[in-house]
PDB file of N, CA and C in Angstrom:
ATOM      1  N   MET A   1      -6.787 -13.524  -7.991  1.00  0.00           N
ATOM      2  CA  MET A   1      -6.340 -12.404  -7.190  1.00  0.00           C
ATOM      3  C   MET A   1      -7.516 -11.458  -6.952  1.00  0.00           C
ATOM      4  N   ILE A   2      -7.654 -10.976  -5.735  1.00  0.00           N
ATOM      5  CA  ILE A   2      -8.775 -10.105  -5.373  1.00  0.00           C
ATOM      6  C   ILE A   2      -8.786  -8.843  -6.211  1.00  0.00           C
ATOM      7  N   LEU A   3      -7.626  -8.245  -6.453  1.00  0.00           N
ATOM      8  CA  LEU A   3      -7.576  -6.987  -7.191  1.00  0.00           C
ATOM      9  C   LEU A   3      -8.078  -7.145  -8.624  1.00  0.00           C
ATOM     10  N   ASP A   4      -7.993  -8.351  -9.204  1.00  0.00           N
ATOM     11  CA  ASP A   4      -8.460  -8.570 -10.566  1.00  0.00           C
ATOM     12  C   ASP A   4      -9.968  -8.435 -10.691  1.00  0.00           C
ATOM     13  N   ARG A   5     -10.713  -8.653  -9.633  1.00  0.00           N
ATOM     14  CA  ARG A   5     -12.171  -8.663  -9.708  1.00  0.00           C
ATOM     15  C   ARG A   5     -12.799  -7.315  -9.405  1.00  0.00           C
ATOM     16  N   LEU A   6     -12.014  -6.281  -9.230  1.00  0.00           N
ATOM     17  CA  LEU A   6     -12.551  -5.006  -8.789  1.00  0.00           C
ATOM     18  C   LEU A   6     -12.918  -4.064  -9.924  1.00  0.00           C
ATOM     19  N   GLY A   7     -12.878  -4.516 -11.160  1.00  0.00           N
ATOM     20  CA  GLY A   7     -13.340  -3.684 -12.265  1.00  0.00           C
ATOM     21  C   GLY A   7     -12.279  -2.741 -12.787  1.00  0.00           C
ATOM     22  N   GLY A   8     -12.735  -1.642 -13.431  1.00  0.00           N
ATOM     23  CA  GLY A   8     -11.840  -0.734 -14.116  1.00  0.00           C
ATOM     24  C   GLY A   8     -11.216   0.334 -13.255  1.00  0.00           C
ATOM     25  N   ALA A   9     -11.574   0.424 -12.003  1.00  0.00           N
ATOM     26  CA  ALA A   9     -11.015   1.463 -11.138  1.00  0.00           C
ATOM     27  C   ALA A   9      -9.541   1.179 -10.853  1.00  0.00           C
ATOM     28  N   THR A  10      -8.804   2.224 -10.554  1.00  0.00           N
ATOM     29  CA  THR A  10      -7.408   2.066 -10.168  1.00  0.00           C
ATOM     30  C   THR A  10      -7.351   1.695  -8.694  1.00  0.00           C
ATOM     31  N   ARG A  11      -6.607   0.643  -8.385  1.00  0.00           N
ATOM     32  CA  ARG A  11      -6.485   0.154  -7.012  1.00  0.00           C
ATOM     33  C   ARG A  11      -5.026   0.204  -6.589  1.00  0.00           C
ATOM     34  N   PHE A  12      -4.803   0.585  -5.341  1.00  0.00           N
ATOM     35  CA  PHE A  12      -3.463   0.677  -4.793  1.00  0.00           C
ATOM     36  C   PHE A  12      -3.345  -0.285  -3.629  1.00  0.00           C
ATOM     37  N   GLY A  13      -2.227  -0.981  -3.565  1.00  0.00           N
ATOM     38  CA  GLY A  13      -1.961  -1.868  -2.445  1.00  0.00           C
ATOM     39  C   GLY A  13      -0.560  -1.625  -1.912  1.00  0.00           C
ATOM     40  N   ILE A  14      -0.429  -1.611  -0.598  1.00  0.00           N
ATOM     41  CA  ILE A  14       0.870  -1.430   0.045  1.00  0.00           C
ATOM     42  C   ILE A  14       1.072  -2.576   1.026  1.00  0.00           C
ATOM     43  N   VAL A  15       2.252  -3.191   0.958  1.00  0.00           N
ATOM     44  CA  VAL A  15       2.607  -4.258   1.889  1.00  0.00           C
ATOM     45  C   VAL A  15       3.849  -3.815   2.645  1.00  0.00           C
ATOM     46  N   LEU A  16       3.792  -3.902   3.960  1.00  0.00           N
ATOM     47  CA  LEU A  16       4.929  -3.557   4.808  1.00  0.00           C
ATOM     48  C   LEU A  16       5.633  -4.842   5.202  1.00  0.00           C
ATOM     49  N   LEU A  17       6.864  -5.002   4.743  1.00  0.00           N
ATOM     50  CA  LEU A  17       7.676  -6.174   5.058  1.00  0.00           C
ATOM     51  C   LEU A  17       9.015  -5.703   5.608  1.00  0.00           C
ATOM     52  N   ALA A  18       9.219  -5.862   6.892  1.00  0.00           N
ATOM     53  CA  ALA A  18      10.457  -5.460   7.581  1.00  0.00           C
ATOM     54  C   ALA A  18      10.770  -4.001   7.293  1.00  0.00           C
ATOM     55  N   ASP A  19      11.816  -3.726   6.509  1.00  0.00           N
ATOM     56  CA  ASP A  19      12.237  -2.355   6.241  1.00  0.00           C
ATOM     57  C   ASP A  19      11.818  -1.880   4.852  1.00  0.00           C
ATOM     58  N   ARG A  20      10.827  -2.521   4.258  1.00  0.00           N
ATOM     59  CA  ARG A  20      10.440  -2.237   2.879  1.00  0.00           C
ATOM     60  C   ARG A  20       8.940  -1.993   2.766  1.00  0.00           C
ATOM     61  N   LEU A  21       8.571  -0.946   2.037  1.00  0.00           N
ATOM     62  CA  LEU A  21       7.182  -0.722   1.625  1.00  0.00           C
ATOM     63  C   LEU A  21       7.099  -1.119   0.160  1.00  0.00           C
ATOM     64  N   SER A  22       6.300  -2.107  -0.164  1.00  0.00           N
ATOM     65  CA  SER A  22       6.103  -2.509  -1.551  1.00  0.00           C
ATOM     66  C   SER A  22       4.737  -2.021  -1.997  1.00  0.00           C
ATOM     67  N   VAL A  23       4.689  -1.365  -3.146  1.00  0.00           N
ATOM     68  CA  VAL A  23       3.464  -0.749  -3.642  1.00  0.00           C
ATOM     69  C   VAL A  23       3.120  -1.343  -5.001  1.00  0.00           C
ATOM     70  N   ALA A  24       1.833  -1.658  -5.196  1.00  0.00           N
ATOM     71  CA  ALA A  24       1.343  -2.149  -6.481  1.00  0.00           C
ATOM     72  C   ALA A  24       0.145  -1.309  -6.905  1.00  0.00           C
ATOM     73  N   VAL A  25       0.076  -1.024  -8.199  1.00  0.00           N
ATOM     74  CA  VAL A  25      -1.028  -0.262  -8.771  1.00  0.00           C
ATOM     75  C   VAL A  25      -1.674  -1.137  -9.837  1.00  0.00           C
ATOM     76  N   VAL A  26      -2.975  -1.384  -9.689  1.00  0.00           N
ATOM     77  CA  VAL A  26      -3.717  -2.237 -10.619  1.00  0.00           C
ATOM     78  C   VAL A  26      -4.848  -1.421 -11.222  1.00  0.00           C
ATOM     79  N   ARG A  27      -5.012  -1.533 -12.541  1.00  0.00           N
ATOM     80  CA  ARG A  27      -6.127  -0.861 -13.211  1.00  0.00           C
ATOM     81  C   ARG A  27      -6.716  -1.810 -14.244  1.00  0.00           C
ATOM     82  N   ALA A  28      -8.028  -1.932 -14.222  1.00  0.00           N
ATOM     83  CA  ALA A  28      -8.755  -2.799 -15.154  1.00  0.00           C
ATOM     84  C   ALA A  28      -8.200  -4.221 -15.122  1.00  0.00           C
ATOM     85  N   GLY A  29      -7.856  -4.693 -13.926  1.00  0.00           N
ATOM     86  CA  GLY A  29      -7.401  -6.067 -13.774  1.00  0.00           C
ATOM     87  C   GLY A  29      -5.967  -6.309 -14.196  1.00  0.00           C
ATOM     88  N   ARG A  30      -5.240  -5.254 -14.552  1.00  0.00           N
ATOM     89  CA  ARG A  30      -3.857  -5.412 -14.990  1.00  0.00           C
ATOM     90  C   ARG A  30      -2.916  -4.649 -14.072  1.00  0.00           C
ATOM     91  N   LEU A  31      -1.793  -5.251 -13.803  1.00  0.00           N
ATOM     92  CA  LEU A  31      -0.773  -4.605 -12.995  1.00  0.00           C
ATOM     93  C   LEU A  31      -0.168  -3.462 -13.795  1.00  0.00           C
ATOM     94  N   ARG A  32      -0.308  -2.238 -13.300  1.00  0.00           N
ATOM     95  CA  ARG A  32       0.156  -1.052 -14.023  1.00  0.00           C
ATOM     96  C   ARG A  32       1.532  -0.593 -13.563  1.00  0.00           C
ATOM     97  N   ASP A  33       1.814  -0.734 -12.289  1.00  0.00           N
ATOM     98  CA  ASP A  33       3.069  -0.209 -11.771  1.00  0.00           C
ATOM     99  C   ASP A  33       3.377  -0.860 -10.429  1.00  0.00           C
ATOM    100  N   THR A  34       4.643  -1.031 -10.149  1.00  0.00           N
ATOM    101  CA  THR A  34       5.093  -1.483  -8.832  1.00  0.00           C
ATOM    102  C   THR A  34       6.363  -0.724  -8.473  1.00  0.00           C
ATOM    103  N   PHE A  35       6.545  -0.502  -7.207  1.00  0.00           N
ATOM    104  CA  PHE A  35       7.797   0.071  -6.733  1.00  0.00           C
ATOM    105  C   PHE A  35       7.936  -0.243  -5.259  1.00  0.00           C
ATOM    106  N   ALA A  36       9.150  -0.079  -4.758  1.00  0.00           N
ATOM    107  CA  ALA A  36       9.427  -0.357  -3.348  1.00  0.00           C
ATOM    108  C   ALA A  36      10.224   0.794  -2.754  1.00  0.00           C
ATOM    109  N   ILE A  37       9.996   1.023  -1.492  1.00  0.00           N
ATOM    110  CA  ILE A  37      10.750   2.012  -0.731  1.00  0.00           C
ATOM    111  C   ILE A  37      11.490   1.231   0.347  1.00  0.00           C
ATOM    112  N   VAL A  38      12.818   1.283   0.290  1.00  0.00           N
ATOM    113  CA  VAL A  38      13.644   0.460   1.170  1.00  0.00           C
ATOM    114  C   VAL A  38      14.513   1.351   2.054  1.00  0.00           C
ATOM    115  N   ASN A  39      14.545   1.035   3.338  1.00  0.00           N
ATOM    116  CA  ASN A  39      15.415   1.709   4.308  1.00  0.00           C
ATOM    117  C   ASN A  39      15.300   3.229   4.294  1.00  0.00           C
ATOM    118  N   ALA A  40      14.130   3.761   4.112  1.00  0.00           N
ATOM    119  CA  ALA A  40      13.950   5.216   4.119  1.00  0.00           C
ATOM    120  C   ALA A  40      13.822   5.708   5.555  1.00  0.00           C
ATOM    121  N   GLU A  41      14.509   6.796   5.866  1.00  0.00           N
ATOM    122  CA  GLU A  41      14.379   7.375   7.205  1.00  0.00           C
ATOM    123  C   GLU A  41      12.998   7.968   7.406  1.00  0.00           C
ATOM    124  N   GLN A  42      12.422   8.525   6.361  1.00  0.00           N
ATOM    125  CA  GLN A  42      11.073   9.090   6.379  1.00  0.00           C
ATOM    126  C   GLN A  42      10.245   8.379   5.304  1.00  0.00           C
ATOM    127  N   PRO A  43       9.734   7.173   5.577  1.00  0.00           N
ATOM    128  CA  PRO A  43       9.022   6.417   4.539  1.00  0.00           C
ATOM    129  C   PRO A  43       7.784   7.126   4.009  1.00  0.00           C
ATOM    130  N   ALA A  44       7.091   7.891   4.848  1.00  0.00           N
ATOM    131  CA  ALA A  44       5.901   8.608   4.372  1.00  0.00           C
ATOM    132  C   ALA A  44       6.284   9.646   3.329  1.00  0.00           C
ATOM    133  N   GLU A  45       7.355  10.374   3.571  1.00  0.00           N
ATOM    134  CA  GLU A  45       7.819  11.384   2.609  1.00  0.00           C
ATOM    135  C   GLU A  45       8.314  10.719   1.330  1.00  0.00           C
ATOM    136  N   ALA A  46       9.014   9.597   1.461  1.00  0.00           N
ATOM    137  CA  ALA A  46       9.501   8.878   0.284  1.00  0.00           C
ATOM    138  C   ALA A  46       8.335   8.342  -0.540  1.00  0.00           C
ATOM    139  N   LEU A  47       7.302   7.830   0.137  1.00  0.00           N
ATOM    140  CA  LEU A  47       6.119   7.340  -0.565  1.00  0.00           C
ATOM    141  C   LEU A  47       5.414   8.483  -1.284  1.00  0.00           C
ATOM    142  N   ARG A  48       5.245   9.605  -0.620  1.00  0.00           N
ATOM    143  CA  ARG A  48       4.607  10.768  -1.241  1.00  0.00           C
ATOM    144  C   ARG A  48       5.389  11.215  -2.481  1.00  0.00           C
ATOM    145  N   ALA A  49       6.708  11.254  -2.378  1.00  0.00           N
ATOM    146  CA  ALA A  49       7.544  11.668  -3.508  1.00  0.00           C
ATOM    147  C   ALA A  49       7.404  10.702  -4.681  1.00  0.00           C
ATOM    148  N   GLU A  50       7.381   9.400  -4.402  1.00  0.00           N
ATOM    149  CA  GLU A  50       7.208   8.405  -5.472  1.00  0.00           C
ATOM    150  C   GLU A  50       5.849   8.549  -6.147  1.00  0.00           C
ATOM    151  N   LEU A  51       4.805   8.727  -5.347  1.00  0.00           N
ATOM    152  CA  LEU A  51       3.467   8.882  -5.918  1.00  0.00           C
ATOM    153  C   LEU A  51       3.381  10.137  -6.777  1.00  0.00           C
ATOM    154  N   GLU A  52       3.963  11.238  -6.309  1.00  0.00           N
ATOM    155  CA  GLU A  52       3.947  12.473  -7.092  1.00  0.00           C
ATOM    156  C   GLU A  52       4.760  12.328  -8.372  1.00  0.00           C
ATOM    157  N   ALA A  53       5.918  11.672  -8.300  1.00  0.00           N
ATOM    158  CA  ALA A  53       6.760  11.479  -9.480  1.00  0.00           C
ATOM    159  C   ALA A  53       6.061  10.632 -10.540  1.00  0.00           C
ATOM    160  N   ARG A  54       5.242   9.684 -10.096  1.00  0.00           N
ATOM    161  CA  ARG A  54       4.520   8.812 -11.030  1.00  0.00           C
ATOM    162  C   ARG A  54       3.125   9.344 -11.365  1.00  0.00           C
ATOM    163  N   ARG A  55       2.807  10.517 -10.830  1.00  0.00           N
ATOM    164  CA  ARG A  55       1.505  11.164 -11.041  1.00  0.00           C
ATOM    165  C   ARG A  55       0.345  10.268 -10.628  1.00  0.00           C
ATOM    166  N   LEU A  56       0.493   9.632  -9.483  1.00  0.00           N
ATOM    167  CA  LEU A  56      -0.546   8.773  -8.926  1.00  0.00           C
ATOM    168  C   LEU A  56      -1.185   9.497  -7.754  1.00  0.00           C
ATOM    169  N   ARG A  57      -2.516   9.471  -7.694  1.00  0.00           N
ATOM    170  CA  ARG A  57      -3.241  10.146  -6.615  1.00  0.00           C
ATOM    171  C   ARG A  57      -4.257   9.193  -5.999  1.00  0.00           C
ATOM    172  N   PRO A  58      -3.795   8.275  -5.150  1.00  0.00           N
ATOM    173  CA  PRO A  58      -4.731   7.310  -4.557  1.00  0.00           C
ATOM    174  C   PRO A  58      -5.691   7.970  -3.584  1.00  0.00           C
ATOM    175  N   ARG A  59      -6.949   7.576  -3.675  1.00  0.00           N
ATOM    176  CA  ARG A  59      -7.953   8.031  -2.707  1.00  0.00           C
ATOM    177  C   ARG A  59      -8.102   7.008  -1.591  1.00  0.00           C
ATOM    178  N   THR A  60      -7.921   5.750  -1.936  1.00  0.00           N
ATOM    179  CA  THR A  60      -7.952   4.674  -0.942  1.00  0.00           C
ATOM    180  C   THR A  60      -6.801   3.719  -1.231  1.00  0.00           C
ATOM    181  N   VAL A  61      -6.375   3.011  -0.199  1.00  0.00           N
ATOM    182  CA  VAL A  61      -5.264   2.072  -0.326  1.00  0.00           C
ATOM    183  C   VAL A  61      -5.586   0.841   0.501  1.00  0.00           C
ATOM    184  N   ARG A  62      -5.232  -0.321  -0.013  1.00  0.00           N
ATOM    185  CA  ARG A  62      -5.321  -1.558   0.767  1.00  0.00           C
ATOM    186  C   ARG A  62      -3.951  -1.810   1.366  1.00  0.00           C
ATOM    187  N   LEU A  63      -3.926  -2.084   2.647  1.00  0.00           N
ATOM    188  CA  LEU A  63      -2.671  -2.209   3.374  1.00  0.00           C
ATOM    189  C   LEU A  63      -2.508  -3.629   3.889  1.00  0.00           C
ATOM    190  N   GLY A  64      -1.341  -4.195   3.670  1.00  0.00           N
ATOM    191  CA  GLY A  64      -1.043  -5.533   4.165  1.00  0.00           C
ATOM    192  C   GLY A  64       0.070  -5.481   5.197  1.00  0.00           C
ATOM    193  N   LEU A  65      -0.155  -6.108   6.334  1.00  0.00           N
ATOM    194  CA  LEU A  65       0.834  -6.150   7.414  1.00  0.00           C
ATOM    195  C   LEU A  65       1.068  -7.590   7.841  1.00  0.00           C
ATOM    196  N   ALA A  66       2.300  -7.894   8.201  1.00  0.00           N
ATOM    197  CA  ALA A  66       2.596  -9.205   8.772  1.00  0.00           C
ATOM    198  C   ALA A  66       1.952  -9.290  10.150  1.00  0.00           C
ATOM    199  N   ARG A  67       1.509 -10.457  10.526  1.00  0.00           N
ATOM    200  CA  ARG A  67       0.846 -10.610  11.828  1.00  0.00           C
ATOM    201  C   ARG A  67       1.733 -10.183  12.988  1.00  0.00           C
ATOM    202  N   SER A  68       3.030 -10.350  12.841  1.00  0.00           N
ATOM    203  CA  SER A  68       3.937  -9.978  13.933  1.00  0.00           C
ATOM    204  C   SER A  68       3.989  -8.467  14.160  1.00  0.00           C
ATOM    205  N   PHE A  69       3.543  -7.666  13.194  1.00  0.00           N
ATOM    206  CA  PHE A  69       3.514  -6.207  13.337  1.00  0.00           C
ATOM    207  C   PHE A  69       2.231  -5.702  13.968  1.00  0.00           C
ATOM    208  N   VAL A  70       1.250  -6.558  14.116  1.00  0.00           N
ATOM    209  CA  VAL A  70      -0.071  -6.129  14.572  1.00  0.00           C
ATOM    210  C   VAL A  70      -0.249  -6.480  16.045  1.00  0.00           C
ATOM    211  N   VAL A  71      -0.764  -5.541  16.810  1.00  0.00           N
ATOM    212  CA  VAL A  71      -1.063  -5.763  18.223  1.00  0.00           C
ATOM    213  C   VAL A  71      -2.558  -5.549  18.414  1.00  0.00           C
ATOM    214  N   VAL A  72      -3.192  -6.521  19.030  1.00  0.00           N
ATOM    215  CA  VAL A  72      -4.622  -6.401  19.313  1.00  0.00           C
ATOM    216  C   VAL A  72      -4.767  -6.131  20.797  1.00  0.00           C
ATOM    217  N   LYS A  73      -5.509  -5.107  21.113  1.00  0.00           N
ATOM    218  CA  LYS A  73      -5.676  -4.709  22.505  1.00  0.00           C
ATOM    219  C   LYS A  73      -7.163  -4.692  22.831  1.00  0.00           C
ATOM    220  N   LEU A  74      -7.532  -5.357  23.896  1.00  0.00           N
ATOM    221  CA  LEU A  74      -8.918  -5.408  24.330  1.00  0.00           C
ATOM    222  C   LEU A  74      -9.299  -4.078  24.975  1.00  0.00           C
ATOM    223  N   LEU A  75     -10.374  -3.487  24.509  1.00  0.00           N
ATOM    224  CA  LEU A  75     -10.875  -2.239  25.079  1.00  0.00           C
ATOM    225  C   LEU A  75     -12.166  -2.519  25.823  1.00  0.00           C
ATOM    226  N   GLU A  76     -12.254  -2.012  27.026  1.00  0.00           N
ATOM    227  CA  GLU A  76     -13.485  -2.156  27.794  1.00  0.00           C
ATOM    228  C   GLU A  76     -14.295  -0.879  27.639  1.00  0.00           C
ATOM    229  N   LEU A  77     -15.475  -1.018  27.101  1.00  0.00           N
ATOM    230  CA  LEU A  77     -16.351   0.132  26.890  1.00  0.00           C
ATOM    231  C   LEU A  77     -17.414   0.190  27.982  1.00  0.00           C
ATOM    232  N   PRO A  78     -17.862   1.395  28.331  1.00  0.00           N
ATOM    233  CA  PRO A  78     -18.882   1.512  29.391  1.00  0.00           C
ATOM    234  C   PRO A  78     -20.219   0.942  28.966  1.00  0.00           C
TER     235      PRO A  78
END
């Protein structure tokens, strides 16, 4: 697993699957915490509340999206 090779820093990963945000927290190669936010009307607020309740303060996050959620648009630059 990629997160296992990143050393002792705390790493956060979020995967968006349909109506669910799944969050994993890894530290020193070990899974420290996981939780999911399901069917939230305001998922950003629910995520913030979960992070605050667990006293987690991520500076960076790795985000996983299904290919069907991603749109690639060609931009023409001057």
